[in-house]
Amino acid sequence: MQKIAAAALLAVFLPLSLSAGPAAAADVTTPVKQVMDATVSNWAGGDSDWQDIFDENKLDERYSKDLIAKYKAAAQFPAADEDGISPFDYDVIVGGQDACPLQDLNIAPQAPKGETTEVIATFKSAACQGSDANSQAVTTVRFEVIQEAGKPVIDDIITVDEGGQSNSLKSVMQDIVKQQQSADQQQKQPDQK
């Protein structure tokens, strides 16, 4: 009787323990939480150092090969001469150069669609500015997460601007490269008078 009970318990708990390990290791929210934790820290105030969400040491851990390639291409054209690193002159998560400490952060994975799982982060980034509707507005950022080399990585970050237009960060990075290449071409052309 004890052998049957032990076998029954093993039959129930062994599959659960085997499935818990890989599922926990492949949590699609992991890279999103890393980016959002850095963003929350950046806007918390105080004396903490700014955390670059595209830090060279974190790229492979958080992002897809395609997003990394597009970022590195855009990073050849820094937005501000004084930092010489980032192709952006704003925080790509909060969508601006200024924000309050983030409030009401929620991270929610959606049902997978093919190879991509969308993870939606919502938060208030201007709540300290007042109680009006604009200050209390909720920002939504959609992270497209895929699996590469057996781990979840962010393949794109989709933000929504004030006009309701969705913006792909990969497209923004490609536009940075195209605009710079176009400007370089115009500078190389001799004056045609």
N, C-alpha and C. Protein backbone atom coordinates (compact mmCIF):
# COMPACT_ATOMS: atom_id res chain seq x y z
N MET A 1 0.82 -1.20 0.00
CA MET A 1 0.00 0.00 0.00
C MET A 1 0.86 1.26 0.00
N GLN A 2 1.93 1.24 0.79
CA GLN A 2 2.81 2.41 0.84
C GLN A 2 3.50 2.62 -0.50
N LYS A 3 3.86 1.51 -1.19
CA LYS A 3 4.50 1.64 -2.49
C LYS A 3 3.56 2.27 -3.50
N ILE A 4 2.29 1.92 -3.42
CA ILE A 4 1.30 2.49 -4.34
C ILE A 4 1.12 3.98 -4.04
N ALA A 5 1.05 4.34 -2.77
CA ALA A 5 0.90 5.74 -2.39
C ALA A 5 2.12 6.55 -2.82
N ALA A 6 3.30 5.97 -2.62
CA ALA A 6 4.53 6.67 -3.02
C ALA A 6 4.58 6.84 -4.53
N ALA A 7 4.18 5.81 -5.25
CA ALA A 7 4.17 5.88 -6.72
C ALA A 7 3.16 6.93 -7.20
N ALA A 8 2.02 7.00 -6.53
CA ALA A 8 1.00 7.98 -6.90
C ALA A 8 1.51 9.41 -6.66
N LEU A 9 2.14 9.61 -5.51
CA LEU A 9 2.69 10.93 -5.21
C LEU A 9 3.77 11.30 -6.22
N LEU A 10 4.63 10.34 -6.53
CA LEU A 10 5.68 10.59 -7.51
C LEU A 10 5.09 10.91 -8.87
N ALA A 11 4.04 10.21 -9.24
CA ALA A 11 3.39 10.46 -10.54
C ALA A 11 2.79 11.85 -10.60
N VAL A 12 2.32 12.36 -9.48
CA VAL A 12 1.71 13.68 -9.44
C VAL A 12 2.77 14.78 -9.38
N PHE A 13 3.75 14.64 -8.49
CA PHE A 13 4.68 15.72 -8.23
C PHE A 13 5.89 15.76 -9.17
N LEU A 14 6.31 14.64 -9.72
CA LEU A 14 7.45 14.64 -10.62
C LEU A 14 7.20 15.50 -11.86
N PRO A 15 6.06 15.35 -12.57
CA PRO A 15 5.82 16.23 -13.72
C PRO A 15 5.75 17.70 -13.33
N LEU A 16 5.18 17.98 -12.16
CA LEU A 16 5.09 19.37 -11.72
C LEU A 16 6.48 19.95 -11.48
N SER A 17 7.34 19.17 -10.84
CA SER A 17 8.68 19.70 -10.55
C SER A 17 9.50 19.84 -11.81
N LEU A 18 9.33 18.93 -12.77
CA LEU A 18 10.06 19.04 -14.03
C LEU A 18 9.61 20.22 -14.85
N SER A 19 8.31 20.50 -14.84
CA SER A 19 7.81 21.62 -15.64
C SER A 19 8.07 22.96 -14.96
N ALA A 20 8.20 22.99 -13.65
CA ALA A 20 8.41 24.26 -12.96
C ALA A 20 9.78 24.84 -13.26
N GLY A 21 10.80 23.99 -13.37
CA GLY A 21 12.16 24.49 -13.62
C GLY A 21 12.28 25.23 -14.93
N PRO A 22 12.02 24.59 -16.09
CA PRO A 22 12.16 25.29 -17.36
C PRO A 22 11.20 26.46 -17.51
N ALA A 23 10.00 26.34 -16.98
CA ALA A 23 9.04 27.45 -17.11
C ALA A 23 9.55 28.67 -16.36
N ALA A 24 10.10 28.44 -15.15
CA ALA A 24 10.61 29.57 -14.38
C ALA A 24 11.83 30.19 -15.07
N ALA A 25 12.67 29.33 -15.65
CA ALA A 25 13.87 29.82 -16.31
C ALA A 25 13.53 30.60 -17.58
N ALA A 26 12.42 30.28 -18.20
CA ALA A 26 12.05 30.91 -19.47
C ALA A 26 10.89 31.89 -19.30
N ASP A 27 10.83 32.58 -18.18
CA ASP A 27 9.76 33.54 -17.93
C ASP A 27 9.88 34.72 -18.89
N VAL A 28 8.87 34.90 -19.72
CA VAL A 28 8.91 35.96 -20.74
C VAL A 28 8.97 37.36 -20.15
N THR A 29 8.61 37.50 -18.89
CA THR A 29 8.65 38.84 -18.29
C THR A 29 10.03 39.23 -17.78
N THR A 30 10.98 38.28 -17.70
CA THR A 30 12.29 38.57 -17.11
C THR A 30 13.00 39.76 -17.76
N PRO A 31 13.19 39.79 -19.10
CA PRO A 31 13.91 40.95 -19.66
C PRO A 31 13.11 42.24 -19.53
N VAL A 32 11.79 42.14 -19.55
CA VAL A 32 10.94 43.33 -19.40
C VAL A 32 11.08 43.88 -17.98
N LYS A 33 11.07 42.99 -17.00
CA LYS A 33 11.25 43.43 -15.61
C LYS A 33 12.61 44.09 -15.42
N GLN A 34 13.65 43.58 -16.07
CA GLN A 34 14.97 44.19 -15.95
C GLN A 34 14.96 45.62 -16.49
N VAL A 35 14.34 45.80 -17.65
CA VAL A 35 14.26 47.14 -18.25
C VAL A 35 13.41 48.06 -17.39
N MET A 36 12.28 47.57 -16.92
CA MET A 36 11.40 48.41 -16.11
C MET A 36 12.01 48.71 -14.73
N ASP A 37 12.71 47.76 -14.15
CA ASP A 37 13.39 48.03 -12.87
C ASP A 37 14.40 49.16 -13.03
N ALA A 38 15.17 49.12 -14.12
CA ALA A 38 16.14 50.19 -14.39
C ALA A 38 15.42 51.52 -14.59
N THR A 39 14.32 51.51 -15.33
CA THR A 39 13.57 52.74 -15.60
C THR A 39 12.98 53.31 -14.31
N VAL A 40 12.42 52.45 -13.48
CA VAL A 40 11.88 52.90 -12.19
C VAL A 40 13.00 53.53 -11.36
N SER A 41 14.14 52.88 -11.31
CA SER A 41 15.27 53.41 -10.55
C SER A 41 15.74 54.76 -11.10
N ASN A 42 15.78 54.87 -12.42
CA ASN A 42 16.24 56.12 -13.05
C ASN A 42 15.37 57.31 -12.69
N TRP A 43 14.09 57.09 -12.52
CA TRP A 43 13.17 58.21 -12.26
C TRP A 43 12.76 58.31 -10.79
N ALA A 44 13.37 57.50 -9.92
CA ALA A 44 13.00 57.51 -8.50
C ALA A 44 13.51 58.73 -7.76
N GLY A 45 14.47 59.44 -8.34
CA GLY A 45 15.06 60.58 -7.65
C GLY A 45 16.19 60.10 -6.76
N GLY A 46 16.79 61.00 -6.07
CA GLY A 46 17.89 60.61 -5.20
C GLY A 46 19.22 60.62 -5.93
N ASP A 47 20.19 59.95 -5.34
CA ASP A 47 21.56 60.00 -5.84
C ASP A 47 21.98 58.77 -6.63
N SER A 48 21.03 57.92 -7.00
CA SER A 48 21.43 56.70 -7.70
C SER A 48 21.90 57.03 -9.12
N ASP A 49 22.84 56.24 -9.60
CA ASP A 49 23.37 56.42 -10.94
C ASP A 49 22.34 56.03 -11.98
N TRP A 50 22.38 56.71 -13.13
CA TRP A 50 21.49 56.41 -14.24
C TRP A 50 21.85 55.03 -14.79
N GLN A 51 20.84 54.19 -15.00
CA GLN A 51 21.07 52.86 -15.55
C GLN A 51 20.68 52.87 -17.02
N ASP A 52 21.64 52.67 -17.87
CA ASP A 52 21.39 52.61 -19.30
C ASP A 52 20.74 51.28 -19.63
N ILE A 53 19.52 51.31 -20.14
CA ILE A 53 18.84 50.05 -20.46
C ILE A 53 19.48 49.35 -21.65
N PHE A 54 20.36 50.07 -22.35
CA PHE A 54 21.11 49.48 -23.46
C PHE A 54 22.60 49.35 -23.12
N ASP A 55 22.89 49.18 -21.85
CA ASP A 55 24.26 48.99 -21.41
C ASP A 55 24.88 47.83 -22.18
N GLU A 56 26.09 48.04 -22.67
CA GLU A 56 26.80 47.03 -23.49
C GLU A 56 26.83 45.67 -22.80
N ASN A 57 26.98 45.65 -21.49
CA ASN A 57 27.06 44.39 -20.75
C ASN A 57 25.72 43.69 -20.60
N LYS A 58 24.63 44.37 -20.91
CA LYS A 58 23.29 43.80 -20.74
C LYS A 58 22.60 43.49 -22.07
N LEU A 59 23.18 43.93 -23.18
CA LEU A 59 22.50 43.77 -24.47
C LEU A 59 22.12 42.33 -24.76
N ASP A 60 23.10 41.41 -24.69
CA ASP A 60 22.83 40.01 -25.02
C ASP A 60 21.86 39.36 -24.04
N GLU A 61 21.82 39.85 -22.83
CA GLU A 61 20.95 39.30 -21.79
C GLU A 61 19.49 39.69 -22.02
N ARG A 62 19.26 40.87 -22.58
CA ARG A 62 17.90 41.42 -22.64
C ARG A 62 17.27 41.44 -24.03
N TYR A 63 18.08 41.54 -25.08
CA TYR A 63 17.54 41.87 -26.40
C TYR A 63 17.88 40.82 -27.46
N SER A 64 17.05 40.80 -28.51
CA SER A 64 17.27 39.89 -29.63
C SER A 64 18.47 40.36 -30.45
N LYS A 65 19.01 39.45 -31.23
CA LYS A 65 20.15 39.79 -32.10
C LYS A 65 19.76 40.90 -33.07
N ASP A 66 18.53 40.85 -33.59
CA ASP A 66 18.07 41.86 -34.55
C ASP A 66 17.98 43.24 -33.89
N LEU A 67 17.40 43.31 -32.70
CA LEU A 67 17.30 44.60 -32.01
C LEU A 67 18.69 45.13 -31.66
N ILE A 68 19.59 44.24 -31.23
CA ILE A 68 20.96 44.67 -30.90
C ILE A 68 21.64 45.24 -32.13
N ALA A 69 21.50 44.59 -33.28
CA ALA A 69 22.13 45.08 -34.50
C ALA A 69 21.59 46.46 -34.87
N LYS A 70 20.29 46.65 -34.76
CA LYS A 70 19.69 47.95 -35.08
C LYS A 70 20.13 49.01 -34.07
N TYR A 71 20.23 48.64 -32.80
CA TYR A 71 20.69 49.59 -31.79
C TYR A 71 22.14 50.00 -32.07
N LYS A 72 23.00 49.03 -32.34
CA LYS A 72 24.41 49.36 -32.58
C LYS A 72 24.59 50.23 -33.82
N ALA A 73 23.77 49.99 -34.84
CA ALA A 73 23.83 50.84 -36.04
C ALA A 73 23.41 52.26 -35.70
N ALA A 74 22.32 52.41 -34.94
CA ALA A 74 21.84 53.75 -34.56
C ALA A 74 22.80 54.43 -33.59
N ALA A 75 23.45 53.65 -32.73
CA ALA A 75 24.37 54.22 -31.74
C ALA A 75 25.61 54.84 -32.39
N GLN A 76 25.83 54.58 -33.67
CA GLN A 76 26.92 55.23 -34.38
C GLN A 76 26.67 56.73 -34.54
N PHE A 77 25.42 57.13 -34.28
CA PHE A 77 25.00 58.53 -34.43
C PHE A 77 24.38 59.01 -33.12
N PRO A 78 25.21 59.31 -32.12
CA PRO A 78 24.67 59.73 -30.82
C PRO A 78 23.83 61.01 -30.94
N ALA A 79 22.77 61.04 -30.17
CA ALA A 79 21.84 62.18 -30.21
C ALA A 79 22.42 63.42 -29.55
N ALA A 80 23.28 63.22 -28.56
CA ALA A 80 23.86 64.36 -27.84
C ALA A 80 25.37 64.21 -27.83
N ASP A 81 26.05 65.27 -28.20
CA ASP A 81 27.51 65.21 -28.27
C ASP A 81 28.14 64.93 -26.91
N GLU A 82 27.50 65.41 -25.84
CA GLU A 82 28.14 65.27 -24.53
C GLU A 82 28.16 63.83 -24.03
N ASP A 83 27.17 62.99 -24.39
CA ASP A 83 27.26 61.62 -23.90
C ASP A 83 27.94 60.71 -24.92
N GLY A 84 27.79 61.02 -26.19
CA GLY A 84 28.49 60.28 -27.22
C GLY A 84 28.15 58.82 -27.31
N ILE A 85 27.05 58.39 -26.70
CA ILE A 85 26.72 56.97 -26.66
C ILE A 85 25.34 56.69 -27.26
N SER A 86 24.32 57.27 -26.70
CA SER A 86 22.95 56.92 -27.04
C SER A 86 22.46 57.62 -28.31
N PRO A 87 21.75 56.87 -29.15
CA PRO A 87 21.14 57.51 -30.31
C PRO A 87 19.85 58.26 -29.95
N PHE A 88 19.47 58.20 -28.67
CA PHE A 88 18.22 58.83 -28.22
C PHE A 88 18.53 60.00 -27.30
N ASP A 89 17.76 61.08 -27.45
CA ASP A 89 17.90 62.21 -26.53
C ASP A 89 16.72 62.26 -25.57
N TYR A 90 16.12 61.12 -25.34
CA TYR A 90 14.98 60.98 -24.43
C TYR A 90 14.95 59.55 -23.90
N ASP A 91 14.20 59.33 -22.85
CA ASP A 91 14.02 57.99 -22.30
C ASP A 91 12.98 57.28 -23.16
N VAL A 92 13.38 56.20 -23.81
CA VAL A 92 12.47 55.53 -24.76
C VAL A 92 11.31 54.82 -24.07
N ILE A 93 11.43 54.56 -22.78
CA ILE A 93 10.33 53.89 -22.07
C ILE A 93 9.28 54.90 -21.63
N VAL A 94 9.69 56.00 -21.00
CA VAL A 94 8.71 56.99 -20.56
C VAL A 94 8.29 57.91 -21.69
N GLY A 95 9.06 57.91 -22.77
CA GLY A 95 8.69 58.71 -23.94
C GLY A 95 9.00 60.19 -23.80
N GLY A 96 10.00 60.54 -23.00
CA GLY A 96 10.33 61.95 -22.84
C GLY A 96 11.63 62.14 -22.09
N GLN A 97 11.96 63.41 -21.89
CA GLN A 97 13.19 63.77 -21.17
C GLN A 97 12.94 63.99 -19.68
N ASP A 98 11.69 64.12 -19.31
CA ASP A 98 11.33 64.35 -17.91
C ASP A 98 10.24 63.38 -17.49
N ALA A 99 10.32 62.96 -16.25
CA ALA A 99 9.27 62.11 -15.69
C ALA A 99 9.32 62.21 -14.17
N CYS A 100 8.24 61.82 -13.56
CA CYS A 100 8.17 61.73 -12.11
C CYS A 100 8.56 60.30 -11.73
N PRO A 101 8.70 60.04 -10.44
CA PRO A 101 8.84 58.64 -10.05
C PRO A 101 7.63 57.86 -10.59
N LEU A 102 7.91 56.73 -11.22
CA LEU A 102 6.84 55.96 -11.84
C LEU A 102 5.91 55.39 -10.77
N GLN A 103 4.62 55.43 -11.07
CA GLN A 103 3.62 54.91 -10.15
C GLN A 103 2.75 53.87 -10.84
N ASP A 104 2.20 52.98 -10.04
CA ASP A 104 1.23 51.98 -10.50
C ASP A 104 1.77 51.11 -11.64
N LEU A 105 3.03 50.71 -11.53
CA LEU A 105 3.62 49.85 -12.55
C LEU A 105 2.95 48.49 -12.54
N ASN A 106 2.57 48.03 -13.72
CA ASN A 106 2.01 46.69 -13.89
C ASN A 106 2.65 46.07 -15.12
N ILE A 107 3.08 44.83 -15.00
CA ILE A 107 3.67 44.10 -16.11
C ILE A 107 2.84 42.86 -16.34
N ALA A 108 2.28 42.72 -17.54
CA ALA A 108 1.35 41.62 -17.82
C ALA A 108 1.67 40.94 -19.15
N PRO A 109 2.07 39.66 -19.10
CA PRO A 109 2.28 38.94 -20.35
C PRO A 109 0.94 38.59 -20.99
N GLN A 110 0.89 38.65 -22.31
CA GLN A 110 -0.31 38.30 -23.06
C GLN A 110 -0.13 36.88 -23.61
N ALA A 111 -1.16 36.36 -24.22
CA ALA A 111 -1.07 35.04 -24.83
C ALA A 111 -0.11 35.11 -26.01
N PRO A 112 0.75 34.09 -26.16
CA PRO A 112 1.68 34.11 -27.29
C PRO A 112 0.94 34.12 -28.63
N LYS A 113 1.53 34.82 -29.61
CA LYS A 113 1.03 34.82 -30.98
C LYS A 113 2.18 34.36 -31.85
N GLY A 114 2.14 33.11 -32.26
CA GLY A 114 3.24 32.55 -33.02
C GLY A 114 4.48 32.48 -32.16
N GLU A 115 5.56 33.08 -32.63
CA GLU A 115 6.84 33.06 -31.92
C GLU A 115 6.98 34.22 -30.94
N THR A 116 6.00 35.12 -30.90
CA THR A 116 6.12 36.35 -30.11
C THR A 116 5.11 36.37 -28.98
N THR A 117 5.58 36.78 -27.81
CA THR A 117 4.70 37.03 -26.67
C THR A 117 4.79 38.51 -26.36
N GLU A 118 3.66 39.17 -26.34
CA GLU A 118 3.64 40.59 -25.99
C GLU A 118 3.53 40.71 -24.47
N VAL A 119 4.40 41.52 -23.90
CA VAL A 119 4.36 41.80 -22.46
C VAL A 119 4.07 43.29 -22.34
N ILE A 120 2.97 43.62 -21.69
CA ILE A 120 2.52 45.01 -21.60
C ILE A 120 2.88 45.58 -20.23
N ALA A 121 3.59 46.71 -20.26
CA ALA A 121 3.89 47.44 -19.04
C ALA A 121 3.06 48.72 -19.04
N THR A 122 2.37 48.97 -17.94
CA THR A 122 1.61 50.21 -17.78
C THR A 122 2.09 50.90 -16.51
N PHE A 123 2.08 52.23 -16.55
CA PHE A 123 2.52 53.02 -15.40
C PHE A 123 2.11 54.46 -15.60
N LYS A 124 2.17 55.22 -14.51
CA LYS A 124 1.98 56.67 -14.56
C LYS A 124 3.36 57.31 -14.44
N SER A 125 3.69 58.20 -15.38
CA SER A 125 5.01 58.82 -15.35
C SER A 125 4.97 60.32 -15.03
N ALA A 126 3.77 60.88 -14.85
CA ALA A 126 3.68 62.31 -14.58
C ALA A 126 2.79 62.61 -13.38
N ALA A 127 2.52 61.61 -12.56
CA ALA A 127 1.57 61.78 -11.45
C ALA A 127 1.98 62.85 -10.46
N CYS A 128 3.27 63.12 -10.29
CA CYS A 128 3.72 64.12 -9.32
C CYS A 128 3.43 65.54 -9.80
N GLN A 129 3.00 65.70 -11.04
CA GLN A 129 2.76 67.02 -11.59
C GLN A 129 1.35 67.55 -11.32
N GLY A 130 0.48 66.73 -10.77
CA GLY A 130 -0.86 67.22 -10.44
C GLY A 130 -1.91 66.13 -10.53
N SER A 131 -3.14 66.55 -10.32
CA SER A 131 -4.24 65.59 -10.34
C SER A 131 -5.07 65.68 -11.61
N ASP A 132 -4.65 66.53 -12.56
CA ASP A 132 -5.39 66.65 -13.82
C ASP A 132 -5.23 65.36 -14.64
N ALA A 133 -6.06 65.21 -15.65
CA ALA A 133 -6.09 63.99 -16.46
C ALA A 133 -4.75 63.71 -17.13
N ASN A 134 -4.08 64.74 -17.65
CA ASN A 134 -2.79 64.51 -18.30
C ASN A 134 -1.74 63.99 -17.33
N SER A 135 -1.71 64.53 -16.13
CA SER A 135 -0.73 64.10 -15.14
C SER A 135 -1.02 62.68 -14.65
N GLN A 136 -2.27 62.30 -14.63
CA GLN A 136 -2.66 60.98 -14.14
C GLN A 136 -2.81 59.94 -15.26
N ALA A 137 -2.47 60.33 -16.47
CA ALA A 137 -2.61 59.42 -17.62
C ALA A 137 -1.68 58.21 -17.45
N VAL A 138 -2.16 57.08 -17.93
CA VAL A 138 -1.39 55.84 -17.87
C VAL A 138 -0.63 55.67 -19.19
N THR A 139 0.65 55.42 -19.06
CA THR A 139 1.50 55.14 -20.22
C THR A 139 1.50 53.63 -20.44
N THR A 140 1.39 53.21 -21.69
CA THR A 140 1.44 51.80 -22.04
C THR A 140 2.63 51.56 -22.97
N VAL A 141 3.45 50.60 -22.61
CA VAL A 141 4.58 50.20 -23.44
C VAL A 141 4.44 48.70 -23.68
N ARG A 142 4.50 48.33 -24.96
CA ARG A 142 4.37 46.92 -25.33
C ARG A 142 5.74 46.38 -25.72
N PHE A 143 6.15 45.32 -25.06
CA PHE A 143 7.42 44.66 -25.35
C PHE A 143 7.12 43.39 -26.13
N GLU A 144 7.72 43.23 -27.29
CA GLU A 144 7.59 42.00 -28.05
C GLU A 144 8.75 41.10 -27.66
N VAL A 145 8.42 39.96 -27.04
CA VAL A 145 9.43 39.05 -26.51
C VAL A 145 9.44 37.77 -27.34
N ILE A 146 10.64 37.34 -27.72
CA ILE A 146 10.81 36.10 -28.46
C ILE A 146 11.81 35.22 -27.72
N GLN A 147 11.96 33.98 -28.16
CA GLN A 147 12.96 33.07 -27.59
C GLN A 147 14.16 33.01 -28.53
N GLU A 148 15.35 33.22 -27.98
CA GLU A 148 16.60 33.05 -28.72
C GLU A 148 17.57 32.33 -27.81
N ALA A 149 18.21 31.31 -28.35
CA ALA A 149 19.18 30.52 -27.57
C ALA A 149 18.57 30.03 -26.26
N GLY A 150 17.29 29.68 -26.31
CA GLY A 150 16.62 29.11 -25.15
C GLY A 150 16.22 30.09 -24.07
N LYS A 151 16.28 31.38 -24.35
CA LYS A 151 15.88 32.35 -23.33
C LYS A 151 15.02 33.45 -23.95
N PRO A 152 14.16 34.06 -23.13
CA PRO A 152 13.33 35.15 -23.64
C PRO A 152 14.14 36.43 -23.77
N VAL A 153 13.96 37.11 -24.91
CA VAL A 153 14.63 38.39 -25.16
C VAL A 153 13.65 39.35 -25.81
N ILE A 154 13.86 40.63 -25.60
CA ILE A 154 13.00 41.67 -26.18
C ILE A 154 13.41 41.87 -27.63
N ASP A 155 12.44 41.75 -28.54
CA ASP A 155 12.71 41.93 -29.96
C ASP A 155 12.28 43.31 -30.45
N ASP A 156 11.37 43.95 -29.74
CA ASP A 156 10.97 45.31 -30.08
C ASP A 156 10.25 45.92 -28.89
N ILE A 157 10.24 47.23 -28.85
CA ILE A 157 9.53 47.99 -27.81
C ILE A 157 8.61 48.95 -28.55
N ILE A 158 7.31 48.82 -28.28
CA ILE A 158 6.30 49.62 -28.97
C ILE A 158 5.72 50.61 -27.96
N THR A 159 5.82 51.89 -28.30
CA THR A 159 5.23 52.93 -27.46
C THR A 159 4.09 53.59 -28.22
N VAL A 160 3.24 54.29 -27.50
CA VAL A 160 2.12 55.00 -28.11
C VAL A 160 2.29 56.48 -27.77
N ASP A 161 2.34 57.32 -28.81
CA ASP A 161 2.53 58.76 -28.57
C ASP A 161 1.21 59.42 -28.18
N GLU A 162 1.27 60.72 -27.90
CA GLU A 162 0.09 61.46 -27.44
C GLU A 162 -1.05 61.44 -28.45
N GLY A 163 -0.73 61.28 -29.71
CA GLY A 163 -1.75 61.23 -30.75
C GLY A 163 -2.33 59.84 -30.95
N GLY A 164 -1.87 58.86 -30.16
CA GLY A 164 -2.37 57.50 -30.27
C GLY A 164 -1.64 56.66 -31.30
N GLN A 165 -0.57 57.20 -31.88
CA GLN A 165 0.21 56.49 -32.90
C GLN A 165 1.20 55.52 -32.24
N SER A 166 1.20 54.27 -32.67
CA SER A 166 2.17 53.29 -32.18
C SER A 166 3.51 53.50 -32.86
N ASN A 167 4.57 53.38 -32.08
CA ASN A 167 5.93 53.58 -32.60
C ASN A 167 6.81 52.42 -32.20
N SER A 168 7.39 51.76 -33.20
CA SER A 168 8.32 50.67 -32.98
C SER A 168 9.71 51.24 -32.75
N LEU A 169 10.36 50.82 -31.67
CA LEU A 169 11.71 51.31 -31.41
C LEU A 169 12.67 50.86 -32.50
N LYS A 170 12.48 49.66 -33.04
CA LYS A 170 13.33 49.21 -34.13
C LYS A 170 13.18 50.12 -35.35
N SER A 171 11.97 50.56 -35.63
CA SER A 171 11.75 51.48 -36.75
C SER A 171 12.40 52.84 -36.47
N VAL A 172 12.29 53.30 -35.23
CA VAL A 172 12.91 54.57 -34.85
C VAL A 172 14.42 54.48 -35.06
N MET A 173 15.02 53.37 -34.66
CA MET A 173 16.47 53.21 -34.81
C MET A 173 16.86 53.16 -36.29
N GLN A 174 16.06 52.48 -37.10
CA GLN A 174 16.34 52.44 -38.54
C GLN A 174 16.22 53.84 -39.14
N ASP A 175 15.24 54.62 -38.68
CA ASP A 175 15.08 56.00 -39.18
C ASP A 175 16.28 56.87 -38.81
N ILE A 176 16.82 56.68 -37.61
CA ILE A 176 18.01 57.44 -37.19
C ILE A 176 19.15 57.19 -38.17
N VAL A 177 19.36 55.93 -38.52
CA VAL A 177 20.44 55.57 -39.45
C VAL A 177 20.17 56.17 -40.83
N LYS A 178 18.94 56.02 -41.32
CA LYS A 178 18.59 56.55 -42.65
C LYS A 178 18.76 58.06 -42.71
N GLN A 179 18.30 58.77 -41.68
CA GLN A 179 18.41 60.23 -41.67
C GLN A 179 19.87 60.66 -41.65
N GLN A 180 20.69 59.98 -40.89
CA GLN A 180 22.10 60.34 -40.82
C GLN A 180 22.80 60.04 -42.14
N GLN A 181 22.48 58.90 -42.73
CA GLN A 181 23.07 58.57 -44.03
C GLN A 181 22.65 59.57 -45.09
N SER A 182 21.40 59.99 -45.05
CA SER A 182 20.90 60.99 -45.99
C SER A 182 21.62 62.32 -45.79
N ALA A 183 21.80 62.72 -44.54
CA ALA A 183 22.50 63.97 -44.23
C ALA A 183 23.96 63.88 -44.69
N ASP A 184 24.58 62.72 -44.48
CA ASP A 184 25.96 62.54 -44.93
C ASP A 184 26.06 62.63 -46.44
N GLN A 185 25.10 62.06 -47.15
CA GLN A 185 25.09 62.12 -48.62
C GLN A 185 24.95 63.55 -49.11
N GLN A 186 24.09 64.31 -48.46
CA GLN A 186 23.88 65.71 -48.86
C GLN A 186 25.14 66.53 -48.64
N GLN A 187 25.88 66.25 -47.58
CA GLN A 187 27.11 66.98 -47.31
C GLN A 187 28.20 66.64 -48.33
N LYS A 188 28.18 65.42 -48.84
CA LYS A 188 29.20 64.99 -49.81
C LYS A 188 28.95 65.53 -51.21
N GLN A 189 27.70 65.85 -51.51
CA GLN A 189 27.39 66.36 -52.85
C GLN A 189 27.91 67.79 -53.00
N PRO A 190 28.60 68.06 -54.11
CA PRO A 190 29.09 69.42 -54.31
C PRO A 190 27.91 70.37 -54.57
N ASP A 191 28.12 71.63 -54.22
CA ASP A 191 27.07 72.62 -54.48
C ASP A 191 26.79 72.69 -55.97
N GLN A 192 25.52 72.61 -56.28
CA GLN A 192 25.13 72.70 -57.70
C GLN A 192 24.50 74.06 -57.91
N LYS A 193 25.26 74.94 -58.57
CA LYS A 193 24.76 76.29 -58.79
C LYS A 193 24.57 76.55 -60.25
